[in-house]
Amino acid sequence: MPERVVVRNRRASYDYDILETYEAGIALRGTEVKSLREGKASLQDAYAKVDDGEIWLYQMHISPYEQGGRFNHDPKRPRKLLLHKYEIRKLIGRTQERGLTLVPLKVYFNERGMAKVELALARGKRLYDRRREIARRIEEKDVERALRGRS
């Protein structure tokens, strides 16, 4: 059974230059897992931050489970990310560099059914970088159209 993506952060590649990616486990409560399995989550405005030697995911929205009742969770509560100690130490050092941040790219269930987060070490793009990338994409599409028209 291949991995099943629950939610992607589509704006991440637009807003950031992705330097490295990491796979992290995520500490969830029971009703959160059930909501994730239904695909009711959002990574819009989500980010990760190092607090006291641990990495936490903030602003990720997981909708309350409909049949959860009083056992439901706070939709935007901070969630602990599970990484190896050496990965955490490396990320602490890298995020203290100027302009680097931790951005979640996607949340998915792996082959064993465990919820995972693909976390990226990224640098924010400037406005002119974004414009240049859009112009490059348009140029590539024009070239592709021209080549298709010839054959």
Foldseek 3Di string as FASTA:
>chain_A
DAKFFLDFDVCDVLFWDFDDKDKWFWDDDDQLLVQSVVSQKDQVVWFWDDDPLWIKIFQIFRDWRPPCPPVTDDRGDIITIHDDSVVSVVVVVLVVPPQWGKGWGTWIQGPVRGIMTIITTTGTDDPVVSVVVVVVVVVVVVVVVVVVVVD
